[in-house]
N, C-alpha and C. Protein backbone atom coordinates (compact mmCIF):
# COMPACT_ATOMS: atom_id res chain seq x y z
N MET A 1 -0.81 0.93 -14.11
CA MET A 1 -1.20 0.42 -12.81
C MET A 1 -2.64 0.86 -12.53
N ASN A 2 -3.50 -0.07 -12.15
CA ASN A 2 -4.88 0.29 -11.84
C ASN A 2 -5.01 0.65 -10.36
N LEU A 3 -6.19 1.07 -9.99
CA LEU A 3 -6.44 1.52 -8.62
C LEU A 3 -6.13 0.42 -7.60
N GLY A 4 -6.62 -0.78 -7.83
CA GLY A 4 -6.40 -1.87 -6.89
C GLY A 4 -4.92 -2.19 -6.72
N ASP A 5 -4.18 -2.18 -7.83
CA ASP A 5 -2.74 -2.42 -7.76
C ASP A 5 -2.04 -1.35 -6.93
N MET A 6 -2.46 -0.09 -7.12
CA MET A 6 -1.84 1.00 -6.38
C MET A 6 -2.11 0.87 -4.89
N ILE A 7 -3.35 0.56 -4.54
CA ILE A 7 -3.70 0.41 -3.12
C ILE A 7 -2.91 -0.74 -2.50
N ARG A 8 -2.86 -1.87 -3.20
CA ARG A 8 -2.13 -3.04 -2.69
C ARG A 8 -0.64 -2.69 -2.51
N GLN A 9 -0.05 -2.06 -3.51
CA GLN A 9 1.37 -1.71 -3.45
C GLN A 9 1.67 -0.80 -2.26
N LEU A 10 0.86 0.24 -2.09
CA LEU A 10 1.07 1.16 -0.97
C LEU A 10 0.87 0.47 0.37
N ARG A 11 -0.15 -0.36 0.45
CA ARG A 11 -0.42 -1.09 1.70
C ARG A 11 0.76 -1.99 2.05
N MET A 12 1.26 -2.70 1.06
CA MET A 12 2.36 -3.62 1.32
C MET A 12 3.66 -2.86 1.64
N GLN A 13 3.89 -1.74 0.98
CA GLN A 13 5.08 -0.93 1.29
C GLN A 13 5.06 -0.47 2.74
N GLN A 14 3.86 -0.23 3.25
CA GLN A 14 3.72 0.22 4.64
C GLN A 14 3.56 -0.95 5.60
N ARG A 15 3.71 -2.15 5.07
CA ARG A 15 3.64 -3.38 5.88
C ARG A 15 2.32 -3.49 6.66
N LEU A 16 1.24 -3.15 5.96
CA LEU A 16 -0.09 -3.27 6.56
C LEU A 16 -0.81 -4.47 5.96
N SER A 17 -1.44 -5.25 6.78
CA SER A 17 -2.30 -6.31 6.28
C SER A 17 -3.64 -5.68 5.88
N ILE A 18 -4.41 -6.42 5.14
CA ILE A 18 -5.75 -5.95 4.80
C ILE A 18 -6.56 -5.78 6.09
N ILE A 19 -6.36 -6.70 7.03
CA ILE A 19 -7.09 -6.62 8.31
C ILE A 19 -6.75 -5.32 9.03
N GLU A 20 -5.48 -4.98 9.09
CA GLU A 20 -5.06 -3.76 9.79
C GLU A 20 -5.58 -2.51 9.07
N LEU A 21 -5.49 -2.49 7.74
CA LEU A 21 -6.01 -1.34 6.99
C LEU A 21 -7.51 -1.20 7.21
N ALA A 22 -8.21 -2.31 7.23
CA ALA A 22 -9.66 -2.28 7.47
C ALA A 22 -9.97 -1.70 8.85
N LYS A 23 -9.24 -2.13 9.86
CA LYS A 23 -9.46 -1.61 11.22
C LYS A 23 -9.21 -0.11 11.28
N ARG A 24 -8.12 0.32 10.66
CA ARG A 24 -7.74 1.74 10.71
C ARG A 24 -8.70 2.64 9.94
N THR A 25 -9.29 2.11 8.87
CA THR A 25 -10.14 2.94 8.01
C THR A 25 -11.64 2.74 8.26
N HIS A 26 -11.99 1.69 8.99
CA HIS A 26 -13.40 1.33 9.18
C HIS A 26 -14.07 1.01 7.84
N VAL A 27 -13.28 0.41 6.95
CA VAL A 27 -13.77 -0.11 5.67
C VAL A 27 -13.58 -1.62 5.76
N SER A 28 -14.56 -2.39 5.34
CA SER A 28 -14.47 -3.84 5.54
C SER A 28 -13.29 -4.46 4.79
N GLU A 29 -12.80 -5.55 5.37
CA GLU A 29 -11.71 -6.30 4.74
C GLU A 29 -12.11 -6.75 3.34
N ALA A 30 -13.33 -7.24 3.21
CA ALA A 30 -13.81 -7.72 1.92
C ALA A 30 -13.84 -6.60 0.88
N TYR A 31 -14.24 -5.42 1.31
CA TYR A 31 -14.31 -4.28 0.39
C TYR A 31 -12.91 -3.93 -0.11
N ILE A 32 -11.94 -3.87 0.81
CA ILE A 32 -10.56 -3.55 0.42
C ILE A 32 -10.01 -4.63 -0.50
N LEU A 33 -10.24 -5.88 -0.14
CA LEU A 33 -9.79 -7.00 -0.97
C LEU A 33 -10.39 -6.92 -2.37
N ASN A 34 -11.67 -6.57 -2.44
CA ASN A 34 -12.33 -6.47 -3.75
C ASN A 34 -11.81 -5.29 -4.57
N ILE A 35 -11.41 -4.21 -3.93
CA ILE A 35 -10.78 -3.11 -4.66
C ILE A 35 -9.44 -3.60 -5.22
N GLU A 36 -8.64 -4.20 -4.35
CA GLU A 36 -7.31 -4.66 -4.75
C GLU A 36 -7.36 -5.70 -5.85
N SER A 37 -8.36 -6.57 -5.81
CA SER A 37 -8.45 -7.64 -6.82
C SER A 37 -9.13 -7.17 -8.11
N GLY A 38 -9.66 -5.96 -8.09
CA GLY A 38 -10.31 -5.43 -9.29
C GLY A 38 -11.78 -5.79 -9.40
N LYS A 39 -12.33 -6.47 -8.39
CA LYS A 39 -13.76 -6.80 -8.43
C LYS A 39 -14.62 -5.56 -8.21
N ILE A 40 -14.11 -4.61 -7.44
CA ILE A 40 -14.77 -3.32 -7.30
C ILE A 40 -13.93 -2.32 -8.07
N THR A 41 -14.48 -1.81 -9.15
CA THR A 41 -13.74 -0.86 -9.98
C THR A 41 -14.25 0.57 -9.80
N ASN A 42 -15.36 0.71 -9.10
CA ASN A 42 -15.96 2.02 -8.89
C ASN A 42 -16.28 2.19 -7.40
N PRO A 43 -15.23 2.22 -6.55
CA PRO A 43 -15.47 2.27 -5.10
C PRO A 43 -16.04 3.60 -4.65
N SER A 44 -16.64 3.57 -3.51
CA SER A 44 -17.18 4.77 -2.88
C SER A 44 -16.08 5.81 -2.70
N PHE A 45 -16.40 7.04 -3.06
CA PHE A 45 -15.42 8.12 -2.90
C PHE A 45 -15.02 8.27 -1.44
N PHE A 46 -15.99 8.17 -0.54
CA PHE A 46 -15.68 8.36 0.87
C PHE A 46 -14.84 7.22 1.43
N ASN A 47 -15.07 6.00 0.96
CA ASN A 47 -14.18 4.91 1.36
C ASN A 47 -12.79 5.13 0.81
N MET A 48 -12.70 5.65 -0.41
CA MET A 48 -11.39 5.94 -0.99
C MET A 48 -10.68 7.04 -0.21
N LEU A 49 -11.43 8.03 0.27
CA LEU A 49 -10.82 9.07 1.10
C LEU A 49 -10.18 8.46 2.34
N LYS A 50 -10.91 7.56 2.99
CA LYS A 50 -10.40 6.92 4.21
C LYS A 50 -9.14 6.10 3.91
N ILE A 51 -9.19 5.33 2.85
CA ILE A 51 -8.06 4.47 2.49
C ILE A 51 -6.86 5.34 2.08
N ALA A 52 -7.11 6.33 1.25
CA ALA A 52 -6.03 7.21 0.79
C ALA A 52 -5.38 7.93 1.96
N ARG A 53 -6.19 8.41 2.88
CA ARG A 53 -5.64 9.10 4.05
C ARG A 53 -4.74 8.17 4.86
N GLU A 54 -5.18 6.95 5.08
CA GLU A 54 -4.39 6.00 5.88
C GLU A 54 -3.09 5.61 5.18
N LEU A 55 -3.11 5.59 3.84
CA LEU A 55 -1.92 5.20 3.09
C LEU A 55 -1.06 6.41 2.70
N ASN A 56 -1.41 7.58 3.26
CA ASN A 56 -0.68 8.82 2.98
C ASN A 56 -0.65 9.14 1.49
N LEU A 57 -1.78 8.93 0.85
CA LEU A 57 -1.93 9.19 -0.57
C LEU A 57 -2.90 10.35 -0.74
N ASP A 58 -2.48 11.34 -1.49
CA ASP A 58 -3.38 12.46 -1.79
C ASP A 58 -4.48 11.93 -2.70
N VAL A 59 -5.70 12.00 -2.26
CA VAL A 59 -6.81 11.43 -3.03
C VAL A 59 -6.91 12.06 -4.41
N TYR A 60 -6.41 13.27 -4.55
CA TYR A 60 -6.45 13.91 -5.87
C TYR A 60 -5.44 13.31 -6.83
N GLU A 61 -4.47 12.57 -6.31
CA GLU A 61 -3.56 11.84 -7.18
C GLU A 61 -4.27 10.69 -7.88
N LEU A 62 -5.42 10.32 -7.38
CA LEU A 62 -6.17 9.20 -7.95
C LEU A 62 -7.02 9.62 -9.15
N GLU A 63 -7.08 10.89 -9.45
CA GLU A 63 -7.96 11.36 -10.51
C GLU A 63 -7.75 10.62 -11.82
N ASP A 64 -6.49 10.34 -12.19
CA ASP A 64 -6.22 9.65 -13.45
C ASP A 64 -6.64 8.18 -13.41
N LEU A 65 -6.75 7.62 -12.20
CA LEU A 65 -7.06 6.21 -12.07
C LEU A 65 -8.54 5.95 -11.84
N TYR A 66 -9.19 6.86 -11.21
CA TYR A 66 -10.57 6.60 -10.80
C TYR A 66 -11.36 7.90 -10.69
N ILE A 67 -12.40 8.02 -11.47
CA ILE A 67 -13.32 9.14 -11.33
C ILE A 67 -14.72 8.57 -11.37
N ASP A 68 -15.41 8.65 -10.27
CA ASP A 68 -16.78 8.18 -10.17
C ASP A 68 -17.67 9.08 -11.03
N PRO A 69 -18.51 8.50 -11.87
CA PRO A 69 -19.40 9.32 -12.71
C PRO A 69 -20.28 10.28 -11.90
N ASP A 70 -20.64 9.91 -10.68
CA ASP A 70 -21.43 10.81 -9.84
C ASP A 70 -20.65 12.08 -9.50
N TRP A 71 -19.33 11.94 -9.33
CA TRP A 71 -18.51 13.12 -9.03
C TRP A 71 -18.37 14.00 -10.26
N ILE A 72 -18.33 13.41 -11.43
CA ILE A 72 -18.30 14.21 -12.65
C ILE A 72 -19.59 15.03 -12.75
N SER A 73 -20.73 14.39 -12.46
CA SER A 73 -22.02 15.10 -12.47
C SER A 73 -22.03 16.21 -11.43
N LEU A 74 -21.51 15.91 -10.25
CA LEU A 74 -21.46 16.91 -9.19
C LEU A 74 -20.63 18.11 -9.62
N MET A 75 -19.48 17.87 -10.24
CA MET A 75 -18.63 18.96 -10.70
C MET A 75 -19.34 19.77 -11.79
N GLU A 76 -20.07 19.10 -12.65
CA GLU A 76 -20.82 19.82 -13.69
C GLU A 76 -21.87 20.72 -13.05
N GLU A 77 -22.54 20.21 -12.01
CA GLU A 77 -23.51 21.03 -11.28
C GLU A 77 -22.84 22.21 -10.61
N ALA A 78 -21.67 21.96 -10.00
CA ALA A 78 -20.93 23.03 -9.33
C ALA A 78 -20.53 24.12 -10.33
N ARG A 79 -20.05 23.69 -11.48
CA ARG A 79 -19.70 24.66 -12.52
C ARG A 79 -20.92 25.44 -12.98
N GLY A 80 -22.06 24.74 -13.03
CA GLY A 80 -23.30 25.38 -13.46
C GLY A 80 -23.74 26.52 -12.55
N ILE A 81 -23.35 26.43 -11.26
CA ILE A 81 -23.71 27.52 -10.34
C ILE A 81 -22.53 28.47 -10.09
N GLY A 82 -21.48 28.28 -10.90
CA GLY A 82 -20.38 29.22 -10.85
C GLY A 82 -19.21 28.86 -9.96
N LEU A 83 -19.18 27.63 -9.43
CA LEU A 83 -18.06 27.23 -8.59
C LEU A 83 -16.95 26.61 -9.45
N SER A 84 -15.73 26.88 -9.09
CA SER A 84 -14.60 26.27 -9.78
C SER A 84 -14.22 24.96 -9.08
N SER A 85 -13.44 24.14 -9.74
CA SER A 85 -12.98 22.90 -9.11
C SER A 85 -12.11 23.22 -7.89
N ILE A 86 -11.39 24.33 -7.95
CA ILE A 86 -10.57 24.74 -6.81
C ILE A 86 -11.46 25.05 -5.60
N GLU A 87 -12.57 25.73 -5.82
CA GLU A 87 -13.48 26.05 -4.72
C GLU A 87 -14.10 24.79 -4.13
N VAL A 88 -14.46 23.85 -4.98
CA VAL A 88 -15.02 22.58 -4.50
C VAL A 88 -13.96 21.82 -3.71
N ARG A 89 -12.74 21.78 -4.22
CA ARG A 89 -11.65 21.10 -3.53
C ARG A 89 -11.39 21.73 -2.17
N GLN A 90 -11.39 23.06 -2.11
CA GLN A 90 -11.17 23.76 -0.84
C GLN A 90 -12.27 23.43 0.16
N PHE A 91 -13.50 23.36 -0.33
CA PHE A 91 -14.62 22.99 0.54
C PHE A 91 -14.42 21.58 1.09
N LEU A 92 -14.07 20.64 0.21
CA LEU A 92 -13.87 19.26 0.65
C LEU A 92 -12.73 19.16 1.65
N GLN A 93 -11.64 19.86 1.39
CA GLN A 93 -10.51 19.81 2.31
C GLN A 93 -10.88 20.41 3.67
N ALA A 94 -11.67 21.47 3.65
CA ALA A 94 -12.07 22.11 4.90
C ALA A 94 -13.00 21.22 5.72
N HIS A 95 -13.73 20.35 5.04
CA HIS A 95 -14.72 19.50 5.72
C HIS A 95 -14.33 18.03 5.71
N MET A 96 -13.09 17.71 5.40
CA MET A 96 -12.64 16.32 5.26
C MET A 96 -12.92 15.49 6.51
N ALA A 97 -12.67 16.02 7.67
CA ALA A 97 -12.88 15.25 8.89
C ALA A 97 -14.34 14.84 9.05
N GLU A 98 -15.24 15.74 8.74
CA GLU A 98 -16.68 15.42 8.84
C GLU A 98 -17.08 14.36 7.81
N LEU A 99 -16.54 14.47 6.62
CA LEU A 99 -16.95 13.60 5.51
C LEU A 99 -16.46 12.18 5.66
N THR A 100 -15.38 11.97 6.38
CA THR A 100 -14.81 10.64 6.47
C THR A 100 -15.12 9.92 7.77
N LYS A 101 -16.07 10.43 8.53
CA LYS A 101 -16.48 9.77 9.79
C LYS A 101 -17.29 8.56 9.50
């Protein structure tokens, strides 16, 4: 199952239209549709955070399906200064509300 299929399946299980998911997440309908259809295969991490939160999906469950190359570079930089992935995750979780505005 690819990322778009997973998002569509979860959205439909929760009986949400694309319009309603877009309103709740402040992500455009077209953007969500393009993720679901596979036209966008490398979506914005922050848009994915918003969508995952609304669909009650732990964004870290998406690691096997989607890893943005920029995030891989960021993690390499974090490791270079001595931070672990756990420390980066804790930072993101602590600041999630700010990041998804």
